[in-house]
Amino acid sequence: MKKLVVVIALFALAACGEKNPNNNEPFVKERATVNPAAVKEYTAGADTAKFKVQLFEQKESLNYEVKFSFKDASSEKIFTLPNMGIMPKPELKKGADDLSCIIGFYDADSTFMEYRLVKVENGTLLYRHLKEYQVEDPKK
């Protein structure tokens, strides 16, 4: 019983010790280390017709490389997320069908913001801009 109380107390202390409940890390211009592995990945389809979208970090913290492929076709793009004063939190979500993926990010309030779309349409691999965002200083 004492062990259970100790474990519960440790969890409570860990929860109270959170400095940033939304996990909003302060913005830094460049990453100290760049993760060489994909930080996010979306896959769908069979092995012969696999649809795959991967996000990779770049040295500049707002930049990400997206690599996408379907069957024998593949491409890559580098895009820049808006500077919201926090470290970006990119995400990949399923689009309208299995062969579509929405590239987006979470804002400071943990709301998903759609940004780009990768999809297969009539057997063709497409990359499209969905929305643009601009961050402004609040009016005084």
N, C-alpha and C. Protein backbone atom coordinates (compact mmCIF):
# COMPACT_ATOMS: atom_id res chain seq x y z
N MET A 1 0.83 -1.20 0.00
CA MET A 1 0.00 0.00 0.00
C MET A 1 0.87 1.26 0.00
N LYS A 2 1.98 1.23 0.79
CA LYS A 2 2.86 2.40 0.84
C LYS A 2 3.48 2.67 -0.52
N LYS A 3 3.81 1.58 -1.25
CA LYS A 3 4.41 1.75 -2.58
C LYS A 3 3.43 2.43 -3.52
N LEU A 4 2.16 2.07 -3.44
CA LEU A 4 1.14 2.67 -4.28
C LEU A 4 1.01 4.17 -4.00
N VAL A 5 1.03 4.54 -2.71
CA VAL A 5 0.95 5.95 -2.33
C VAL A 5 2.16 6.71 -2.84
N VAL A 6 3.34 6.11 -2.77
CA VAL A 6 4.57 6.76 -3.25
C VAL A 6 4.50 6.97 -4.75
N VAL A 7 4.03 5.97 -5.48
CA VAL A 7 3.92 6.08 -6.94
C VAL A 7 2.93 7.18 -7.31
N ILE A 8 1.79 7.23 -6.67
CA ILE A 8 0.79 8.26 -6.94
C ILE A 8 1.36 9.64 -6.62
N ALA A 9 2.08 9.76 -5.52
CA ALA A 9 2.69 11.04 -5.14
C ALA A 9 3.71 11.48 -6.17
N LEU A 10 4.50 10.55 -6.71
CA LEU A 10 5.50 10.89 -7.73
C LEU A 10 4.83 11.39 -9.01
N PHE A 11 3.73 10.73 -9.41
CA PHE A 11 3.00 11.20 -10.59
C PHE A 11 2.42 12.59 -10.36
N ALA A 12 1.89 12.83 -9.20
CA ALA A 12 1.32 14.14 -8.88
C ALA A 12 2.40 15.22 -8.91
N LEU A 13 3.56 14.94 -8.35
CA LEU A 13 4.65 15.90 -8.37
C LEU A 13 5.14 16.17 -9.78
N ALA A 14 5.22 15.12 -10.57
CA ALA A 14 5.66 15.29 -11.96
C ALA A 14 4.67 16.16 -12.73
N ALA A 15 3.38 15.96 -12.51
CA ALA A 15 2.37 16.76 -13.19
C ALA A 15 2.42 18.21 -12.74
N CYS A 16 2.63 18.45 -11.46
CA CYS A 16 2.69 19.82 -10.95
C CYS A 16 3.96 20.52 -11.39
N GLY A 17 4.99 19.77 -11.66
CA GLY A 17 6.26 20.35 -12.04
C GLY A 17 6.34 20.76 -13.49
N GLU A 18 5.30 20.49 -14.27
CA GLU A 18 5.32 20.87 -15.68
C GLU A 18 5.33 22.38 -15.80
N LYS A 19 6.34 22.90 -16.50
CA LYS A 19 6.43 24.34 -16.70
C LYS A 19 5.54 24.78 -17.84
N ASN A 20 5.32 23.88 -18.79
CA ASN A 20 4.60 24.24 -19.99
C ASN A 20 3.60 23.14 -20.33
N PRO A 21 2.35 23.24 -19.89
CA PRO A 21 1.39 22.15 -20.09
C PRO A 21 1.11 21.85 -21.55
N ASN A 22 1.22 22.82 -22.46
CA ASN A 22 0.99 22.59 -23.88
C ASN A 22 2.25 22.13 -24.59
N ASN A 23 3.34 21.95 -23.84
CA ASN A 23 4.63 21.55 -24.40
C ASN A 23 5.11 22.57 -25.44
N ASN A 24 4.88 23.84 -25.18
CA ASN A 24 5.32 24.92 -26.06
C ASN A 24 6.73 25.34 -25.67
N GLU A 25 7.71 24.75 -26.34
CA GLU A 25 9.09 25.10 -26.06
C GLU A 25 9.40 26.45 -26.69
N PRO A 26 10.25 27.27 -26.06
CA PRO A 26 10.60 28.57 -26.64
C PRO A 26 11.30 28.40 -27.99
N PHE A 27 11.05 29.33 -28.88
CA PHE A 27 11.62 29.29 -30.22
C PHE A 27 13.13 29.54 -30.20
N VAL A 28 13.84 28.74 -30.95
CA VAL A 28 15.26 28.97 -31.23
C VAL A 28 15.42 28.90 -32.75
N LYS A 29 16.28 29.74 -33.29
CA LYS A 29 16.42 29.84 -34.75
C LYS A 29 16.96 28.57 -35.38
N GLU A 30 17.96 27.95 -34.74
CA GLU A 30 18.54 26.72 -35.27
C GLU A 30 18.50 25.61 -34.23
N ARG A 31 18.34 24.40 -34.72
CA ARG A 31 18.38 23.24 -33.83
C ARG A 31 19.82 22.92 -33.46
N ALA A 32 20.03 22.52 -32.21
CA ALA A 32 21.36 22.10 -31.78
C ALA A 32 21.74 20.80 -32.48
N THR A 33 20.77 19.90 -32.61
CA THR A 33 20.99 18.64 -33.35
C THR A 33 19.80 18.41 -34.26
N VAL A 34 20.09 17.88 -35.44
CA VAL A 34 19.04 17.57 -36.42
C VAL A 34 18.83 16.07 -36.42
N ASN A 35 17.61 15.65 -36.19
CA ASN A 35 17.27 14.23 -36.20
C ASN A 35 17.32 13.72 -37.64
N PRO A 36 18.19 12.74 -37.95
CA PRO A 36 18.28 12.25 -39.33
C PRO A 36 17.09 11.36 -39.74
N ALA A 37 16.36 10.85 -38.76
CA ALA A 37 15.20 10.00 -39.05
C ALA A 37 13.97 10.87 -39.27
N ALA A 38 12.98 10.29 -39.92
CA ALA A 38 11.71 11.02 -40.12
C ALA A 38 11.08 11.30 -38.77
N VAL A 39 10.66 12.55 -38.55
CA VAL A 39 10.02 12.91 -37.28
C VAL A 39 8.53 12.60 -37.31
N LYS A 40 7.95 12.53 -38.49
CA LYS A 40 6.55 12.14 -38.69
C LYS A 40 6.47 11.33 -39.97
N GLU A 41 5.54 10.36 -39.99
CA GLU A 41 5.39 9.52 -41.18
C GLU A 41 3.94 9.08 -41.32
N TYR A 42 3.45 9.07 -42.57
CA TYR A 42 2.12 8.59 -42.89
C TYR A 42 2.26 7.61 -44.05
N THR A 43 1.67 6.43 -43.93
CA THR A 43 1.71 5.44 -45.01
C THR A 43 0.32 4.86 -45.20
N ALA A 44 0.04 4.48 -46.43
CA ALA A 44 -1.22 3.83 -46.77
C ALA A 44 -1.01 3.01 -48.02
N GLY A 45 -1.88 2.04 -48.24
CA GLY A 45 -1.83 1.24 -49.45
C GLY A 45 -1.00 -0.01 -49.29
N ALA A 46 -1.04 -0.83 -50.34
CA ALA A 46 -0.31 -2.09 -50.37
C ALA A 46 1.15 -1.86 -50.77
N ASP A 47 1.96 -2.89 -50.63
CA ASP A 47 3.39 -2.77 -50.94
C ASP A 47 3.65 -2.31 -52.37
N THR A 48 2.88 -2.79 -53.33
CA THR A 48 3.11 -2.43 -54.73
C THR A 48 2.60 -1.03 -55.06
N ALA A 49 1.66 -0.53 -54.28
CA ALA A 49 1.10 0.81 -54.52
C ALA A 49 1.11 1.59 -53.21
N LYS A 50 2.26 1.61 -52.54
CA LYS A 50 2.36 2.25 -51.23
C LYS A 50 2.46 3.77 -51.37
N PHE A 51 1.64 4.45 -50.60
CA PHE A 51 1.66 5.92 -50.51
C PHE A 51 2.37 6.26 -49.20
N LYS A 52 3.39 7.09 -49.29
CA LYS A 52 4.20 7.39 -48.11
C LYS A 52 4.57 8.87 -48.08
N VAL A 53 4.40 9.48 -46.90
CA VAL A 53 4.78 10.87 -46.68
C VAL A 53 5.63 10.91 -45.40
N GLN A 54 6.79 11.55 -45.47
CA GLN A 54 7.69 11.65 -44.32
C GLN A 54 8.14 13.09 -44.14
N LEU A 55 8.27 13.51 -42.87
CA LEU A 55 8.79 14.84 -42.54
C LEU A 55 10.16 14.69 -41.87
N PHE A 56 11.10 15.53 -42.31
CA PHE A 56 12.45 15.53 -41.76
C PHE A 56 12.83 16.93 -41.29
N GLU A 57 13.48 17.00 -40.14
CA GLU A 57 13.96 18.28 -39.62
C GLU A 57 15.10 18.80 -40.49
N GLN A 58 15.24 20.12 -40.51
CA GLN A 58 16.36 20.80 -41.13
C GLN A 58 17.09 21.58 -40.04
N LYS A 59 18.25 22.14 -40.33
CA LYS A 59 19.02 22.87 -39.33
C LYS A 59 18.23 24.07 -38.79
N GLU A 60 17.62 24.84 -39.69
CA GLU A 60 16.77 25.95 -39.25
C GLU A 60 15.47 25.37 -38.71
N SER A 61 15.09 25.78 -37.51
CA SER A 61 14.00 25.11 -36.80
C SER A 61 12.63 25.25 -37.47
N LEU A 62 12.42 26.23 -38.31
CA LEU A 62 11.12 26.39 -38.97
C LEU A 62 11.04 25.61 -40.28
N ASN A 63 12.16 25.09 -40.75
CA ASN A 63 12.20 24.38 -42.03
C ASN A 63 12.07 22.88 -41.85
N TYR A 64 11.30 22.27 -42.74
CA TYR A 64 11.13 20.83 -42.78
C TYR A 64 11.19 20.38 -44.23
N GLU A 65 11.74 19.19 -44.43
CA GLU A 65 11.73 18.57 -45.74
C GLU A 65 10.64 17.50 -45.73
N VAL A 66 9.81 17.52 -46.75
CA VAL A 66 8.79 16.48 -46.88
C VAL A 66 9.19 15.62 -48.08
N LYS A 67 9.23 14.31 -47.86
CA LYS A 67 9.48 13.35 -48.92
C LYS A 67 8.21 12.53 -49.09
N PHE A 68 7.77 12.41 -50.34
CA PHE A 68 6.53 11.68 -50.58
C PHE A 68 6.68 10.80 -51.81
N SER A 69 5.98 9.65 -51.76
CA SER A 69 6.11 8.70 -52.86
C SER A 69 4.82 7.89 -53.02
N PHE A 70 4.64 7.41 -54.25
CA PHE A 70 3.53 6.51 -54.59
C PHE A 70 3.99 5.67 -55.76
N LYS A 71 3.92 4.37 -55.60
CA LYS A 71 4.43 3.42 -56.60
C LYS A 71 5.88 3.78 -56.90
N ASP A 72 6.21 4.09 -58.17
CA ASP A 72 7.59 4.40 -58.55
C ASP A 72 7.88 5.89 -58.54
N ALA A 73 6.87 6.72 -58.30
CA ALA A 73 7.06 8.18 -58.31
C ALA A 73 7.42 8.67 -56.92
N SER A 74 8.35 9.61 -56.86
CA SER A 74 8.70 10.22 -55.57
C SER A 74 9.16 11.65 -55.80
N SER A 75 9.05 12.44 -54.75
CA SER A 75 9.49 13.83 -54.82
C SER A 75 9.77 14.32 -53.41
N GLU A 76 10.32 15.51 -53.32
CA GLU A 76 10.59 16.11 -52.02
C GLU A 76 10.52 17.63 -52.15
N LYS A 77 10.14 18.24 -51.06
CA LYS A 77 10.04 19.71 -50.99
C LYS A 77 10.52 20.15 -49.62
N ILE A 78 11.01 21.37 -49.56
CA ILE A 78 11.33 21.98 -48.27
C ILE A 78 10.35 23.13 -48.09
N PHE A 79 9.71 23.17 -46.92
CA PHE A 79 8.77 24.25 -46.63
C PHE A 79 9.10 24.84 -45.27
N THR A 80 8.59 26.04 -45.03
CA THR A 80 8.86 26.77 -43.80
C THR A 80 7.56 27.01 -43.05
N LEU A 81 7.53 26.61 -41.79
CA LEU A 81 6.37 26.87 -40.94
C LEU A 81 6.43 28.31 -40.42
N PRO A 82 5.29 28.91 -40.09
CA PRO A 82 5.31 30.28 -39.56
C PRO A 82 5.93 30.32 -38.16
N ASN A 83 6.60 31.43 -37.87
CA ASN A 83 7.22 31.63 -36.56
C ASN A 83 6.16 32.15 -35.60
N MET A 84 5.77 31.30 -34.66
CA MET A 84 4.76 31.67 -33.68
C MET A 84 5.38 31.96 -32.32
N GLY A 85 6.72 32.02 -32.27
CA GLY A 85 7.39 32.29 -31.00
C GLY A 85 7.61 31.05 -30.17
N ILE A 86 7.18 29.89 -30.68
CA ILE A 86 7.41 28.60 -30.01
C ILE A 86 8.03 27.66 -31.04
N MET A 87 8.62 26.59 -30.56
CA MET A 87 9.17 25.61 -31.49
C MET A 87 8.01 24.95 -32.25
N PRO A 88 8.18 24.77 -33.55
CA PRO A 88 7.11 24.18 -34.34
C PRO A 88 6.80 22.75 -33.92
N LYS A 89 5.52 22.41 -34.05
CA LYS A 89 5.06 21.05 -33.75
C LYS A 89 4.32 20.54 -34.99
N PRO A 90 5.08 20.02 -35.98
CA PRO A 90 4.44 19.56 -37.22
C PRO A 90 3.65 18.27 -36.98
N GLU A 91 2.72 18.00 -37.90
CA GLU A 91 1.91 16.79 -37.79
C GLU A 91 1.47 16.37 -39.19
N LEU A 92 1.27 15.08 -39.38
CA LEU A 92 0.71 14.52 -40.60
C LEU A 92 -0.61 13.86 -40.23
N LYS A 93 -1.66 14.19 -40.99
CA LYS A 93 -2.98 13.60 -40.74
C LYS A 93 -3.56 13.06 -42.04
N LYS A 94 -4.38 12.03 -41.90
CA LYS A 94 -5.05 11.45 -43.06
C LYS A 94 -5.95 12.50 -43.69
N GLY A 95 -5.93 12.57 -45.00
CA GLY A 95 -6.78 13.51 -45.72
C GLY A 95 -8.16 12.93 -45.97
N ALA A 96 -8.81 13.38 -47.03
CA ALA A 96 -10.17 12.95 -47.35
C ALA A 96 -10.25 11.47 -47.70
N ASP A 97 -9.17 10.90 -48.21
CA ASP A 97 -9.13 9.46 -48.49
C ASP A 97 -7.78 8.90 -48.06
N ASP A 98 -7.62 7.59 -48.21
CA ASP A 98 -6.39 6.94 -47.75
C ASP A 98 -5.15 7.45 -48.46
N LEU A 99 -5.27 7.82 -49.72
CA LEU A 99 -4.12 8.27 -50.50
C LEU A 99 -4.00 9.79 -50.49
N SER A 100 -4.27 10.38 -49.34
CA SER A 100 -4.05 11.82 -49.17
C SER A 100 -3.59 12.08 -47.75
N CYS A 101 -2.73 13.05 -47.60
CA CYS A 101 -2.14 13.36 -46.30
C CYS A 101 -2.06 14.88 -46.15
N ILE A 102 -2.54 15.37 -45.02
CA ILE A 102 -2.47 16.80 -44.74
C ILE A 102 -1.25 17.05 -43.86
N ILE A 103 -0.40 17.95 -44.31
CA ILE A 103 0.75 18.38 -43.53
C ILE A 103 0.31 19.65 -42.80
N GLY A 104 0.50 19.66 -41.51
CA GLY A 104 0.09 20.82 -40.73
C GLY A 104 0.94 20.96 -39.49
N PHE A 105 0.47 21.80 -38.59
CA PHE A 105 1.20 22.04 -37.35
C PHE A 105 0.20 22.43 -36.27
N TYR A 106 0.66 22.33 -35.04
CA TYR A 106 -0.16 22.75 -33.91
C TYR A 106 0.25 24.15 -33.48
N ASP A 107 -0.74 25.01 -33.25
CA ASP A 107 -0.43 26.36 -32.77
C ASP A 107 -0.22 26.33 -31.26
N ALA A 108 -0.06 27.49 -30.65
CA ALA A 108 0.22 27.58 -29.22
C ALA A 108 -0.91 27.03 -28.36
N ASP A 109 -2.13 26.98 -28.91
CA ASP A 109 -3.28 26.46 -28.18
C ASP A 109 -3.57 25.00 -28.52
N SER A 110 -2.63 24.33 -29.20
CA SER A 110 -2.74 22.93 -29.62
C SER A 110 -3.88 22.70 -30.61
N THR A 111 -4.15 23.69 -31.45
CA THR A 111 -5.13 23.57 -32.53
C THR A 111 -4.39 23.18 -33.79
N PHE A 112 -4.86 22.15 -34.50
CA PHE A 112 -4.22 21.72 -35.73
C PHE A 112 -4.51 22.71 -36.85
N MET A 113 -3.46 23.17 -37.51
CA MET A 113 -3.57 24.13 -38.60
C MET A 113 -3.13 23.44 -39.89
N GLU A 114 -4.05 23.29 -40.85
CA GLU A 114 -3.73 22.67 -42.13
C GLU A 114 -2.79 23.58 -42.91
N TYR A 115 -1.81 22.97 -43.61
CA TYR A 115 -0.80 23.78 -44.29
C TYR A 115 -0.58 23.33 -45.74
N ARG A 116 -0.28 22.05 -45.95
CA ARG A 116 -0.03 21.51 -47.28
C ARG A 116 -0.79 20.20 -47.44
N LEU A 117 -0.93 19.76 -48.68
CA LEU A 117 -1.62 18.51 -48.98
C LEU A 117 -0.79 17.71 -49.96
N VAL A 118 -0.61 16.43 -49.66
CA VAL A 118 0.01 15.49 -50.59
C VAL A 118 -1.05 14.44 -50.86
N LYS A 119 -1.29 14.16 -52.16
CA LYS A 119 -2.32 13.17 -52.47
C LYS A 119 -2.05 12.53 -53.82
N VAL A 120 -2.75 11.43 -54.04
CA VAL A 120 -2.72 10.75 -55.32
C VAL A 120 -4.06 11.00 -55.98
N GLU A 121 -4.01 11.56 -57.19
CA GLU A 121 -5.23 11.85 -57.93
C GLU A 121 -5.08 11.28 -59.33
N ASN A 122 -5.95 10.37 -59.70
CA ASN A 122 -5.88 9.70 -61.00
C ASN A 122 -4.51 9.08 -61.25
N GLY A 123 -3.93 8.50 -60.21
CA GLY A 123 -2.64 7.83 -60.33
C GLY A 123 -1.43 8.77 -60.31
N THR A 124 -1.67 10.07 -60.16
CA THR A 124 -0.59 11.06 -60.16
C THR A 124 -0.36 11.58 -58.75
N LEU A 125 0.88 11.71 -58.38
CA LEU A 125 1.27 12.22 -57.06
C LEU A 125 1.28 13.74 -57.10
N LEU A 126 0.51 14.38 -56.19
CA LEU A 126 0.38 15.84 -56.19
C LEU A 126 0.76 16.44 -54.84
N TYR A 127 1.31 17.65 -54.87
CA TYR A 127 1.65 18.43 -53.67
C TYR A 127 1.01 19.79 -53.85
N ARG A 128 0.18 20.20 -52.88
CA ARG A 128 -0.52 21.48 -53.00
C ARG A 128 -0.45 22.28 -51.73
N HIS A 129 -0.45 23.61 -51.90
CA HIS A 129 -0.57 24.52 -50.75
C HIS A 129 -2.05 24.59 -50.39
N LEU A 130 -2.33 24.46 -49.11
CA LEU A 130 -3.71 24.60 -48.66
C LEU A 130 -3.97 25.99 -48.11
N LYS A 131 -3.11 26.41 -47.18
CA LYS A 131 -3.31 27.69 -46.51
C LYS A 131 -1.97 28.35 -46.23
N GLU A 132 -2.01 29.64 -46.08
CA GLU A 132 -0.85 30.43 -45.64
C GLU A 132 -1.22 31.09 -44.32
N TYR A 133 -0.24 31.26 -43.48
CA TYR A 133 -0.47 31.88 -42.18
C TYR A 133 0.52 33.02 -41.97
N GLN A 134 0.04 34.05 -41.30
CA GLN A 134 0.89 35.19 -40.97
C GLN A 134 0.68 35.48 -39.48
N VAL A 135 1.77 35.63 -38.79
CA VAL A 135 1.71 35.91 -37.36
C VAL A 135 1.99 37.40 -37.17
N GLU A 136 1.09 38.08 -36.47
CA GLU A 136 1.24 39.52 -36.24
C GLU A 136 1.31 39.80 -34.76
N ASP A 137 1.93 40.92 -34.42
CA ASP A 137 1.95 41.37 -33.04
C ASP A 137 0.56 41.88 -32.67
N PRO A 138 0.12 41.62 -31.46
CA PRO A 138 -1.21 42.12 -31.05
C PRO A 138 -1.24 43.65 -31.07
N LYS A 139 -2.40 44.19 -31.41
CA LYS A 139 -2.54 45.65 -31.42
C LYS A 139 -2.58 46.17 -30.00
N LYS A 140 -1.98 47.33 -29.82
CA LYS A 140 -1.89 47.92 -28.46
C LYS A 140 -2.87 49.04 -28.32
